[in-house]
PDB file of all heavy atoms in Angstrom:
ATOM      1  N   ALA A   1      -2.068  14.859   0.413  1.00  0.00           N
ATOM      2  CA  ALA A   1      -3.178  15.424   1.048  1.00  0.00           C
ATOM      3  C   ALA A   1      -4.386  14.494   0.818  1.00  0.00           C
ATOM      4  O   ALA A   1      -5.185  14.216   1.820  1.00  0.00           O
ATOM      5  CB  ALA A   1      -3.401  16.656   0.498  1.00  0.00           C
ATOM      6  N   GLN A   2      -4.526  13.884  -0.354  1.00  0.00           N
ATOM      7  CA  GLN A   2      -5.566  12.916  -0.534  1.00  0.00           C
ATOM      8  C   GLN A   2      -5.517  11.659   0.357  1.00  0.00           C
ATOM      9  O   GLN A   2      -6.483  11.169   0.765  1.00  0.00           O
ATOM     10  CB  GLN A   2      -5.665  12.505  -2.083  1.00  0.00           C
ATOM     11  CG  GLN A   2      -6.306  13.714  -2.945  1.00  0.00           C
ATOM     12  CD  GLN A   2      -6.368  13.234  -4.390  1.00  0.00           C
ATOM     13  OE1 GLN A   2      -7.096  12.214  -4.646  1.00  0.00           O
ATOM     14  NE2 GLN A   2      -5.792  13.886  -5.265  1.00  0.00           N
ATOM     15  N   LEU A   3      -4.240  11.130   0.391  1.00  0.00           N
ATOM     16  CA  LEU A   3      -4.063  10.003   1.254  1.00  0.00           C
ATOM     17  C   LEU A   3      -4.379  10.286   2.732  1.00  0.00           C
ATOM     18  O   LEU A   3      -4.999   9.451   3.417  1.00  0.00           O
ATOM     19  CB  LEU A   3      -2.663   9.457   1.162  1.00  0.00           C
ATOM     20  CG  LEU A   3      -2.214   8.803  -0.199  1.00  0.00           C
ATOM     21  CD1 LEU A   3      -0.785   8.448  -0.187  1.00  0.00           C
ATOM     22  CD2 LEU A   3      -3.077   7.407  -0.267  1.00  0.00           C
ATOM     23  N   ALA A   4      -3.991  11.505   3.188  1.00  0.00           N
ATOM     24  CA  ALA A   4      -4.202  11.809   4.535  1.00  0.00           C
ATOM     25  C   ALA A   4      -5.731  11.936   4.920  1.00  0.00           C
ATOM     26  O   ALA A   4      -6.184  11.642   5.940  1.00  0.00           O
ATOM     27  CB  ALA A   4      -3.487  13.136   4.878  1.00  0.00           C
ATOM     28  N   ASP A   5      -6.572  12.363   3.895  1.00  0.00           N
ATOM     29  CA  ASP A   5      -7.924  12.547   4.044  1.00  0.00           C
ATOM     30  C   ASP A   5      -8.609  11.213   3.884  1.00  0.00           C
ATOM     31  O   ASP A   5      -9.829  11.059   4.391  1.00  0.00           O
ATOM     32  CB  ASP A   5      -8.476  13.424   2.999  1.00  0.00           C
ATOM     33  CG  ASP A   5      -8.116  14.899   3.304  1.00  0.00           C
ATOM     34  OD1 ASP A   5      -7.705  15.248   4.471  1.00  0.00           O
ATOM     35  OD2 ASP A   5      -8.082  15.793   2.336  1.00  0.00           O
ATOM     36  N   ALA A   6      -8.179  10.228   3.205  1.00  0.00           N
ATOM     37  CA  ALA A   6      -8.811   8.975   2.792  1.00  0.00           C
ATOM     38  C   ALA A   6      -8.816   8.007   3.937  1.00  0.00           C
ATOM     39  O   ALA A   6      -9.741   7.015   4.023  1.00  0.00           O
ATOM     40  CB  ALA A   6      -8.156   8.431   1.581  1.00  0.00           C
ATOM     41  N   PHE A   7      -7.813   8.022   4.891  1.00  0.00           N
ATOM     42  CA  PHE A   7      -7.746   6.949   5.900  1.00  0.00           C
ATOM     43  C   PHE A   7      -7.786   7.724   7.358  1.00  0.00           C
ATOM     44  O   PHE A   7      -7.387   8.806   7.446  1.00  0.00           O
ATOM     45  CB  PHE A   7      -6.471   6.215   5.772  1.00  0.00           C
ATOM     46  CG  PHE A   7      -6.257   5.517   4.510  1.00  0.00           C
ATOM     47  CD1 PHE A   7      -5.769   6.043   3.436  1.00  0.00           C
ATOM     48  CD2 PHE A   7      -6.801   4.305   4.377  1.00  0.00           C
ATOM     49  CE1 PHE A   7      -5.547   5.382   2.186  1.00  0.00           C
ATOM     50  CE2 PHE A   7      -6.712   3.619   3.128  1.00  0.00           C
ATOM     51  CZ  PHE A   7      -6.138   4.045   2.082  1.00  0.00           C
ATOM     52  N   PHE A   8      -8.205   6.902   8.355  1.00  0.00           N
ATOM     53  CA  PHE A   8      -8.356   7.475   9.701  1.00  0.00           C
ATOM     54  C   PHE A   8      -6.999   7.957  10.220  1.00  0.00           C
ATOM     55  O   PHE A   8      -6.764   8.998  10.807  1.00  0.00           O
ATOM     56  CB  PHE A   8      -8.955   6.457  10.615  1.00  0.00           C
ATOM     57  CG  PHE A   8     -10.351   5.974  10.284  1.00  0.00           C
ATOM     58  CD1 PHE A   8     -10.682   4.677  10.097  1.00  0.00           C
ATOM     59  CD2 PHE A   8     -11.294   6.902  10.174  1.00  0.00           C
ATOM     60  CE1 PHE A   8     -11.901   4.279   9.745  1.00  0.00           C
ATOM     61  CE2 PHE A   8     -12.627   6.637   9.846  1.00  0.00           C
ATOM     62  CZ  PHE A   8     -12.933   5.274   9.691  1.00  0.00           C
ATOM     63  N   ASP A   9      -5.984   7.047   9.913  1.00  0.00           N
ATOM     64  CA  ASP A   9      -4.569   7.351  10.367  1.00  0.00           C
ATOM     65  C   ASP A   9      -3.736   6.411   9.614  1.00  0.00           C
ATOM     66  O   ASP A   9      -4.055   5.700   8.775  1.00  0.00           O
ATOM     67  CB  ASP A   9      -4.342   7.189  11.825  1.00  0.00           C
ATOM     68  CG  ASP A   9      -4.835   5.864  12.462  1.00  0.00           C
ATOM     69  OD1 ASP A   9      -4.763   4.861  11.676  1.00  0.00           O
ATOM     70  OD2 ASP A   9      -5.350   5.785  13.490  1.00  0.00           O
ATOM     71  N   GLN A  10      -2.292   6.405   9.887  1.00  0.00           N
ATOM     72  CA  GLN A  10      -1.451   5.718   9.127  1.00  0.00           C
ATOM     73  C   GLN A  10      -1.576   4.237   9.275  1.00  0.00           C
ATOM     74  O   GLN A  10      -1.468   3.395   8.274  1.00  0.00           O
ATOM     75  CB  GLN A  10      -0.007   6.124   9.554  1.00  0.00           C
ATOM     76  CG  GLN A  10       1.171   5.529   8.620  1.00  0.00           C
ATOM     77  CD  GLN A  10       2.613   5.961   8.937  1.00  0.00           C
ATOM     78  OE1 GLN A  10       2.928   5.993  10.224  1.00  0.00           O
ATOM     79  NE2 GLN A  10       3.295   6.450   8.035  1.00  0.00           N
ATOM     80  N   SER A  11      -1.859   3.857  10.465  1.00  0.00           N
ATOM     81  CA  SER A  11      -2.167   2.343  10.768  1.00  0.00           C
ATOM     82  C   SER A  11      -3.284   1.809  10.087  1.00  0.00           C
ATOM     83  O   SER A  11      -3.262   0.652   9.562  1.00  0.00           O
ATOM     84  CB  SER A  11      -2.206   2.073  12.246  1.00  0.00           C
ATOM     85  OG  SER A  11      -3.330   2.684  12.732  1.00  0.00           O
ATOM     86  N   HIS A  12      -4.311   2.643   9.882  1.00  0.00           N
ATOM     87  CA  HIS A  12      -5.475   2.220   9.097  1.00  0.00           C
ATOM     88  C   HIS A  12      -5.010   2.025   7.557  1.00  0.00           C
ATOM     89  O   HIS A  12      -5.416   1.010   7.018  1.00  0.00           O
ATOM     90  CB  HIS A  12      -6.524   3.253   9.289  1.00  0.00           C
ATOM     91  CG  HIS A  12      -7.794   3.114   8.436  1.00  0.00           C
ATOM     92  ND1 HIS A  12      -8.454   3.952   7.632  1.00  0.00           N
ATOM     93  CD2 HIS A  12      -8.448   1.869   8.184  1.00  0.00           C
ATOM     94  CE1 HIS A  12      -9.396   3.480   7.027  1.00  0.00           C
ATOM     95  NE2 HIS A  12      -9.538   2.165   7.287  1.00  0.00           N
ATOM     96  N   MET A  13      -4.299   2.975   7.104  1.00  0.00           N
ATOM     97  CA  MET A  13      -3.872   2.871   5.678  1.00  0.00           C
ATOM     98  C   MET A  13      -2.994   1.537   5.513  1.00  0.00           C
ATOM     99  O   MET A  13      -3.205   0.815   4.598  1.00  0.00           O
ATOM    100  CB  MET A  13      -3.035   4.098   5.228  1.00  0.00           C
ATOM    101  CG  MET A  13      -2.506   4.009   3.756  1.00  0.00           C
ATOM    102  SD  MET A  13      -1.579   5.530   3.402  1.00  0.00           S
ATOM    103  CE  MET A  13      -0.207   5.320   4.504  1.00  0.00           C
ATOM    104  N   ILE A  14      -2.167   1.377   6.410  1.00  0.00           N
ATOM    105  CA  ILE A  14      -1.205   0.191   6.309  1.00  0.00           C
ATOM    106  C   ILE A  14      -2.040  -1.104   6.342  1.00  0.00           C
ATOM    107  O   ILE A  14      -1.822  -1.930   5.455  1.00  0.00           O
ATOM    108  CB  ILE A  14      -0.233   0.076   7.532  1.00  0.00           C
ATOM    109  CG1 ILE A  14       0.776   1.354   7.282  1.00  0.00           C
ATOM    110  CG2 ILE A  14       0.587  -1.154   7.481  1.00  0.00           C
ATOM    111  CD1 ILE A  14       1.759   1.552   8.426  1.00  0.00           C
ATOM    112  N   ARG A  15      -2.973  -1.177   7.175  1.00  0.00           N
ATOM    113  CA  ARG A  15      -3.816  -2.321   7.338  1.00  0.00           C
ATOM    114  C   ARG A  15      -4.587  -2.644   5.958  1.00  0.00           C
ATOM    115  O   ARG A  15      -4.761  -3.740   5.516  1.00  0.00           O
ATOM    116  CB  ARG A  15      -4.780  -2.327   8.453  1.00  0.00           C
ATOM    117  CG  ARG A  15      -4.147  -2.400   9.906  1.00  0.00           C
ATOM    118  CD  ARG A  15      -5.187  -2.787  10.891  1.00  0.00           C
ATOM    119  NE  ARG A  15      -6.270  -1.835  10.955  1.00  0.00           N
ATOM    120  CZ  ARG A  15      -6.189  -0.665  11.671  1.00  0.00           C
ATOM    121  NH1 ARG A  15      -5.106  -0.304  12.420  1.00  0.00           N
ATOM    122  NH2 ARG A  15      -7.145   0.318  11.731  1.00  0.00           N
ATOM    123  N   GLU A  16      -5.187  -1.580   5.545  1.00  0.00           N
ATOM    124  CA  GLU A  16      -5.981  -1.729   4.192  1.00  0.00           C
ATOM    125  C   GLU A  16      -5.034  -2.087   3.040  1.00  0.00           C
ATOM    126  O   GLU A  16      -5.483  -2.964   2.241  1.00  0.00           O
ATOM    127  CB  GLU A  16      -6.727  -0.411   3.997  1.00  0.00           C
ATOM    128  CG  GLU A  16      -7.806   0.041   4.938  1.00  0.00           C
ATOM    129  CD  GLU A  16      -8.911  -1.019   4.933  1.00  0.00           C
ATOM    130  OE1 GLU A  16      -9.746  -0.893   3.979  1.00  0.00           O
ATOM    131  OE2 GLU A  16      -8.968  -1.861   5.674  1.00  0.00           O
ATOM    132  N   ILE A  17      -3.904  -1.534   2.896  1.00  0.00           N
ATOM    133  CA  ILE A  17      -3.062  -1.956   1.792  1.00  0.00           C
ATOM    134  C   ILE A  17      -2.604  -3.400   2.033  1.00  0.00           C
ATOM    135  O   ILE A  17      -2.448  -4.077   0.923  1.00  0.00           O
ATOM    136  CB  ILE A  17      -1.874  -0.832   1.736  1.00  0.00           C
ATOM    137  CG1 ILE A  17      -2.359   0.419   1.177  1.00  0.00           C
ATOM    138  CG2 ILE A  17      -0.636  -1.413   0.734  1.00  0.00           C
ATOM    139  CD1 ILE A  17      -1.302   1.541   1.309  1.00  0.00           C
ATOM    140  N   GLN A  18      -2.245  -3.744   3.121  1.00  0.00           N
ATOM    141  CA  GLN A  18      -2.029  -5.218   3.431  1.00  0.00           C
ATOM    142  C   GLN A  18      -3.002  -6.160   3.040  1.00  0.00           C
ATOM    143  O   GLN A  18      -2.813  -7.201   2.291  1.00  0.00           O
ATOM    144  CB  GLN A  18      -1.778  -5.437   4.877  1.00  0.00           C
ATOM    145  CG  GLN A  18      -0.378  -4.872   5.450  1.00  0.00           C
ATOM    146  CD  GLN A  18      -0.362  -5.167   6.947  1.00  0.00           C
ATOM    147  OE1 GLN A  18      -1.248  -4.853   7.724  1.00  0.00           O
ATOM    148  NE2 GLN A  18       0.784  -5.761   7.475  1.00  0.00           N
ATOM    149  N   ARG A  19      -4.345  -5.711   3.235  1.00  0.00           N
ATOM    150  CA  ARG A  19      -5.406  -6.623   2.815  1.00  0.00           C
ATOM    151  C   ARG A  19      -5.522  -6.775   1.315  1.00  0.00           C
ATOM    152  O   ARG A  19      -5.757  -7.932   0.862  1.00  0.00           O
ATOM    153  CB  ARG A  19      -6.785  -6.111   3.342  1.00  0.00           C
ATOM    154  CG  ARG A  19      -6.900  -6.240   4.907  1.00  0.00           C
ATOM    155  CD  ARG A  19      -8.240  -5.718   5.362  1.00  0.00           C
ATOM    156  NE  ARG A  19      -8.534  -5.942   6.686  1.00  0.00           N
ATOM    157  CZ  ARG A  19      -8.438  -4.998   7.661  1.00  0.00           C
ATOM    158  NH1 ARG A  19      -8.199  -3.786   7.340  1.00  0.00           N
ATOM    159  NH2 ARG A  19      -8.628  -5.318   8.930  1.00  0.00           N
ATOM    160  N   PHE A  20      -5.443  -5.646   0.623  1.00  0.00           N
ATOM    161  CA  PHE A  20      -5.778  -5.738  -0.802  1.00  0.00           C
ATOM    162  C   PHE A  20      -4.512  -5.826  -1.782  1.00  0.00           C
ATOM    163  O   PHE A  20      -4.604  -6.367  -2.787  1.00  0.00           O
ATOM    164  CB  PHE A  20      -6.642  -4.573  -1.101  1.00  0.00           C
ATOM    165  CG  PHE A  20      -7.933  -4.402  -0.446  1.00  0.00           C
ATOM    166  CD1 PHE A  20      -8.088  -3.567   0.644  1.00  0.00           C
ATOM    167  CD2 PHE A  20      -8.922  -5.323  -0.800  1.00  0.00           C
ATOM    168  CE1 PHE A  20      -9.349  -3.723   1.363  1.00  0.00           C
ATOM    169  CE2 PHE A  20     -10.138  -5.282  -0.223  1.00  0.00           C
ATOM    170  CZ  PHE A  20     -10.277  -4.494   0.818  1.00  0.00           C
ATOM    171  N   ALA A  21      -3.454  -5.336  -1.349  1.00  0.00           N
ATOM    172  CA  ALA A  21      -2.115  -5.367  -2.155  1.00  0.00           C
ATOM    173  C   ALA A  21      -1.137  -6.370  -1.606  1.00  0.00           C
ATOM    174  O   ALA A  21      -0.196  -6.787  -2.337  1.00  0.00           O
ATOM    175  CB  ALA A  21      -1.539  -3.960  -2.215  1.00  0.00           C
ATOM    176  N   GLY A  22      -1.270  -6.791  -0.375  1.00  0.00           N
ATOM    177  CA  GLY A  22      -0.414  -7.818   0.208  1.00  0.00           C
ATOM    178  C   GLY A  22       0.895  -7.294   0.662  1.00  0.00           C
ATOM    179  O   GLY A  22       1.848  -8.053   0.852  1.00  0.00           O
ATOM    180  N   ARG A  23       1.123  -6.024   0.862  1.00  0.00           N
ATOM    181  CA  ARG A  23       2.294  -5.369   1.224  1.00  0.00           C
ATOM    182  C   ARG A  23       1.924  -4.304   2.319  1.00  0.00           C
ATOM    183  O   ARG A  23       1.013  -3.639   2.314  1.00  0.00           O
ATOM    184  CB  ARG A  23       2.971  -4.580  -0.009  1.00  0.00           C
ATOM    185  CG  ARG A  23       3.439  -5.593  -1.165  1.00  0.00           C
ATOM    186  CD  ARG A  23       4.572  -6.504  -0.703  1.00  0.00           C
ATOM    187  NE  ARG A  23       5.055  -7.175  -1.785  1.00  0.00           N
ATOM    188  CZ  ARG A  23       4.488  -8.071  -2.568  1.00  0.00           C
ATOM    189  NH1 ARG A  23       3.249  -8.546  -2.132  1.00  0.00           N
ATOM    190  NH2 ARG A  23       5.046  -8.612  -3.603  1.00  0.00           N
ATOM    191  N   THR A  24       3.133  -4.032   3.144  1.00  0.00           N
ATOM    192  CA  THR A  24       3.046  -2.747   3.830  1.00  0.00           C
ATOM    193  C   THR A  24       3.527  -1.685   2.912  1.00  0.00           C
ATOM    194  O   THR A  24       4.301  -1.815   1.895  1.00  0.00           O
ATOM    195  CB  THR A  24       4.029  -2.870   5.061  1.00  0.00           C
ATOM    196  OG1 THR A  24       5.333  -3.118   4.560  1.00  0.00           O
ATOM    197  CG2 THR A  24       3.473  -3.892   5.957  1.00  0.00           C
ATOM    198  N   PRO A  25       3.088  -0.390   3.071  1.00  0.00           N
ATOM    199  CA  PRO A  25       3.672   0.649   2.236  1.00  0.00           C
ATOM    200  C   PRO A  25       5.184   0.744   2.153  1.00  0.00           C
ATOM    201  O   PRO A  25       5.712   1.064   0.980  1.00  0.00           O
ATOM    202  CB  PRO A  25       3.057   1.901   2.916  1.00  0.00           C
ATOM    203  CG  PRO A  25       1.811   1.491   3.657  1.00  0.00           C
ATOM    204  CD  PRO A  25       2.185   0.075   4.065  1.00  0.00           C
ATOM    205  N   ALA A  26       5.876   0.358   3.141  1.00  0.00           N
ATOM    206  CA  ALA A  26       7.298   0.430   3.145  1.00  0.00           C
ATOM    207  C   ALA A  26       7.864  -0.559   2.056  1.00  0.00           C
ATOM    208  O   ALA A  26       9.043  -0.364   1.505  1.00  0.00           O
ATOM    209  CB  ALA A  26       7.896   0.177   4.391  1.00  0.00           C
ATOM    210  N   ARG A  27       7.080  -1.635   1.686  1.00  0.00           N
ATOM    211  CA  ARG A  27       7.609  -2.630   0.751  1.00  0.00           C
ATOM    212  C   ARG A  27       7.071  -2.507  -0.560  1.00  0.00           C
ATOM    213  O   ARG A  27       7.339  -3.251  -1.551  1.00  0.00           O
ATOM    214  CB  ARG A  27       7.217  -4.074   1.424  1.00  0.00           C
ATOM    215  CG  ARG A  27       7.939  -4.396   2.673  1.00  0.00           C
ATOM    216  CD  ARG A  27       7.486  -5.657   3.279  1.00  0.00           C
ATOM    217  NE  ARG A  27       7.729  -6.796   2.321  1.00  0.00           N
ATOM    218  CZ  ARG A  27       7.311  -8.043   2.613  1.00  0.00           C
ATOM    219  NH1 ARG A  27       6.603  -8.292   3.708  1.00  0.00           N
ATOM    220  NH2 ARG A  27       7.589  -8.980   1.771  1.00  0.00           N
ATOM    221  N   LEU A  28       6.235  -1.380  -0.934  1.00  0.00           N
ATOM    222  CA  LEU A  28       5.691  -1.348  -2.172  1.00  0.00           C
ATOM    223  C   LEU A  28       6.685  -0.805  -3.185  1.00  0.00           C
ATOM    224  O   LEU A  28       6.472  -1.156  -4.487  1.00  0.00           O
ATOM    225  CB  LEU A  28       4.529  -0.280  -2.088  1.00  0.00           C
ATOM    226  CG  LEU A  28       3.277  -0.852  -1.303  1.00  0.00           C
ATOM    227  CD1 LEU A  28       2.352   0.373  -1.115  1.00  0.00           C
ATOM    228  CD2 LEU A  28       2.614  -1.809  -2.149  1.00  0.00           C
ATOM    229  N   SER A  29       7.691  -0.154  -2.858  1.00  0.00           N
ATOM    230  CA  SER A  29       8.644   0.332  -3.806  1.00  0.00           C
ATOM    231  C   SER A  29      10.069  -0.262  -3.748  1.00  0.00           C
ATOM    232  O   SER A  29      10.978   0.336  -4.271  1.00  0.00           O
ATOM    233  CB  SER A  29       8.770   1.904  -3.627  1.00  0.00           C
ATOM    234  OG  SER A  29       9.244   2.136  -2.317  1.00  0.00           O
ATOM    235  N   ASP A  30      10.084  -1.452  -3.151  1.00  0.00           N
ATOM    236  CA  ASP A  30      11.421  -2.127  -3.001  1.00  0.00           C
ATOM    237  C   ASP A  30      11.749  -3.152  -4.089  1.00  0.00           C
ATOM    238  O   ASP A  30      12.633  -3.938  -3.959  1.00  0.00           O
ATOM    239  CB  ASP A  30      11.577  -2.651  -1.576  1.00  0.00           C
ATOM    240  CG  ASP A  30      10.564  -3.864  -1.340  1.00  0.00           C
ATOM    241  OD1 ASP A  30       9.869  -4.180  -2.269  1.00  0.00           O
ATOM    242  OD2 ASP A  30      10.622  -4.365  -0.223  1.00  0.00           O
ATOM    243  N   ASP A  31      10.832  -3.253  -5.144  1.00  0.00           N
ATOM    244  CA  ASP A  31      11.094  -4.105  -6.234  1.00  0.00           C
ATOM    245  C   ASP A  31      10.992  -5.627  -5.848  1.00  0.00           C
ATOM    246  O   ASP A  31      11.606  -6.403  -6.523  1.00  0.00           O
ATOM    247  CB  ASP A  31      12.345  -3.681  -6.984  1.00  0.00           C
ATOM    248  CG  ASP A  31      12.218  -2.391  -7.647  1.00  0.00           C
ATOM    249  OD1 ASP A  31      11.095  -2.082  -8.074  1.00  0.00           O
ATOM    250  OD2 ASP A  31      13.354  -1.776  -7.702  1.00  0.00           O
ATOM    251  N   GLU A  32      10.359  -5.908  -4.666  1.00  0.00           N
ATOM    252  CA  GLU A  32      10.367  -7.387  -4.250  1.00  0.00           C
ATOM    253  C   GLU A  32       9.481  -8.198  -5.212  1.00  0.00           C
ATOM    254  O   GLU A  32       9.721  -9.374  -5.260  1.00  0.00           O
ATOM    255  CB  GLU A  32       9.896  -7.450  -2.803  1.00  0.00           C
ATOM    256  CG  GLU A  32      10.917  -7.044  -1.859  1.00  0.00           C
ATOM    257  CD  GLU A  32      10.514  -7.485  -0.391  1.00  0.00           C
ATOM    258  OE1 GLU A  32       9.373  -7.500  -0.200  1.00  0.00           O
ATOM    259  OE2 GLU A  32      11.354  -7.562   0.406  1.00  0.00           O
ATOM    260  N   SER A  33       8.508  -7.589  -5.813  1.00  0.00           N
ATOM    261  CA  SER A  33       7.582  -8.235  -6.630  1.00  0.00           C
ATOM    262  C   SER A  33       7.138  -7.536  -7.799  1.00  0.00           C
ATOM    263  O   SER A  33       6.313  -6.721  -7.734  1.00  0.00           O
ATOM    264  CB  SER A  33       6.279  -8.594  -5.733  1.00  0.00           C
ATOM    265  OG  SER A  33       5.326  -9.250  -6.658  1.00  0.00           O
ATOM    266  N   PRO A  34       7.715  -7.831  -8.964  1.00  0.00           N
ATOM    267  CA  PRO A  34       7.280  -7.124 -10.169  1.00  0.00           C
ATOM    268  C   PRO A  34       5.994  -7.440 -10.608  1.00  0.00           C
ATOM    269  O   PRO A  34       5.423  -6.570 -11.242  1.00  0.00           O
ATOM    270  CB  PRO A  34       8.399  -7.654 -11.237  1.00  0.00           C
ATOM    271  CG  PRO A  34       8.927  -8.888 -10.637  1.00  0.00           C
ATOM    272  CD  PRO A  34       8.851  -8.753  -9.145  1.00  0.00           C
ATOM    273  N   PHE A  35       5.382  -8.672 -10.271  1.00  0.00           N
ATOM    274  CA  PHE A  35       4.083  -8.939 -10.634  1.00  0.00           C
ATOM    275  C   PHE A  35       3.086  -8.022 -10.060  1.00  0.00           C
ATOM    276  O   PHE A  35       2.207  -7.329 -10.632  1.00  0.00           O
ATOM    277  CB  PHE A  35       3.694 -10.343 -10.275  1.00  0.00           C
ATOM    278  CG  PHE A  35       2.441 -10.819 -10.907  1.00  0.00           C
ATOM    279  CD1 PHE A  35       2.181 -10.981 -12.209  1.00  0.00           C
ATOM    280  CD2 PHE A  35       1.317 -10.921  -9.989  1.00  0.00           C
ATOM    281  CE1 PHE A  35       0.880 -11.312 -12.633  1.00  0.00           C
ATOM    282  CE2 PHE A  35       0.028 -11.319 -10.493  1.00  0.00           C
ATOM    283  CZ  PHE A  35      -0.156 -11.469 -11.778  1.00  0.00           C
ATOM    284  N   LEU A  36       3.337  -7.852  -8.653  1.00  0.00           N
ATOM    285  CA  LEU A  36       2.424  -6.961  -7.852  1.00  0.00           C
ATOM    286  C   LEU A  36       2.502  -5.585  -8.345  1.00  0.00           C
ATOM    287  O   LEU A  36       1.535  -4.756  -8.568  1.00  0.00           O
ATOM    288  CB  LEU A  36       2.543  -7.080  -6.350  1.00  0.00           C
ATOM    289  CG  LEU A  36       1.782  -6.108  -5.582  1.00  0.00           C
ATOM    290  CD1 LEU A  36       1.160  -6.787  -4.407  1.00  0.00           C
ATOM    291  CD2 LEU A  36       2.640  -5.000  -4.973  1.00  0.00           C
ATOM    292  N   ASN A  37       3.787  -5.137  -8.517  1.00  0.00           N
ATOM    293  CA  ASN A  37       3.978  -3.779  -8.950  1.00  0.00           C
ATOM    294  C   ASN A  37       3.281  -3.444 -10.315  1.00  0.00           C
ATOM    295  O   ASN A  37       2.721  -2.345 -10.524  1.00  0.00           O
ATOM    296  CB  ASN A  37       5.397  -3.455  -9.072  1.00  0.00           C
ATOM    297  CG  ASN A  37       6.166  -3.472  -7.828  1.00  0.00           C
ATOM    298  OD1 ASN A  37       5.626  -3.317  -6.794  1.00  0.00           O
ATOM    299  ND2 ASN A  37       7.526  -3.617  -7.842  1.00  0.00           N
ATOM    300  N   GLU A  38       3.272  -4.314 -11.151  1.00  0.00           N
ATOM    301  CA  GLU A  38       2.501  -4.050 -12.394  1.00  0.00           C
ATOM    302  C   GLU A  38       1.067  -4.100 -12.179  1.00  0.00           C
ATOM    303  O   GLU A  38       0.321  -3.258 -12.774  1.00  0.00           O
ATOM    304  CB  GLU A  38       2.904  -5.199 -13.420  1.00  0.00           C
ATOM    305  CG  GLU A  38       2.058  -5.161 -14.780  1.00  0.00           C
ATOM    306  CD  GLU A  38       2.237  -4.035 -15.604  1.00  0.00           C
ATOM    307  OE1 GLU A  38       3.374  -3.250 -15.401  1.00  0.00           O
ATOM    308  OE2 GLU A  38       1.405  -3.640 -16.366  1.00  0.00           O
ATOM    309  N   MET A  39       0.532  -4.981 -11.450  1.00  0.00           N
ATOM    310  CA  MET A  39      -0.913  -5.084 -11.245  1.00  0.00           C
ATOM    311  C   MET A  39      -1.499  -3.794 -10.491  1.00  0.00           C
ATOM    312  O   MET A  39      -2.712  -3.556 -10.733  1.00  0.00           O
ATOM    313  CB  MET A  39      -1.235  -6.373 -10.369  1.00  0.00           C
ATOM    314  CG  MET A  39      -1.172  -7.600 -11.257  1.00  0.00           C
ATOM    315  SD  MET A  39      -2.115  -7.807 -12.667  1.00  0.00           S
ATOM    316  CE  MET A  39      -1.010  -7.385 -13.975  1.00  0.00           C
ATOM    317  N   ILE A  40      -0.657  -3.086  -9.654  1.00  0.00           N
ATOM    318  CA  ILE A  40      -1.184  -1.907  -9.045  1.00  0.00           C
ATOM    319  C   ILE A  40      -0.740  -0.711  -9.872  1.00  0.00           C
ATOM    320  O   ILE A  40      -1.011   0.406  -9.243  1.00  0.00           O
ATOM    321  CB  ILE A  40      -0.755  -1.807  -7.563  1.00  0.00           C
ATOM    322  CG1 ILE A  40       0.763  -1.768  -7.465  1.00  0.00           C
ATOM    323  CG2 ILE A  40      -1.249  -2.966  -6.709  1.00  0.00           C
ATOM    324  CD1 ILE A  40       1.271  -1.423  -6.014  1.00  0.00           C
ATOM    325  N   ASP A  41      -0.118  -0.842 -10.913  1.00  0.00           N
ATOM    326  CA  ASP A  41       0.296   0.359 -11.712  1.00  0.00           C
ATOM    327  C   ASP A  41      -0.950   1.153 -12.050  1.00  0.00           C
ATOM    328  O   ASP A  41      -1.984   0.599 -12.525  1.00  0.00           O
ATOM    329  CB  ASP A  41       1.045  -0.053 -12.988  1.00  0.00           C
ATOM    330  CG  ASP A  41       1.713   1.074 -13.694  1.00  0.00           C
ATOM    331  OD1 ASP A  41       1.004   1.854 -14.268  1.00  0.00           O
ATOM    332  OD2 ASP A  41       2.934   1.125 -13.571  1.00  0.00           O
TER     333      ASP A  41
END
């Protein structure tokens, strides 16, 4: 619910996460980058 309220829509959320985390949401939990996963823990 908090995520839904925080962004205009899903595409807005995806763009923002790309800018600051360097991933699309679909790639955040695929263990491709342990360094990033730790830094956003």
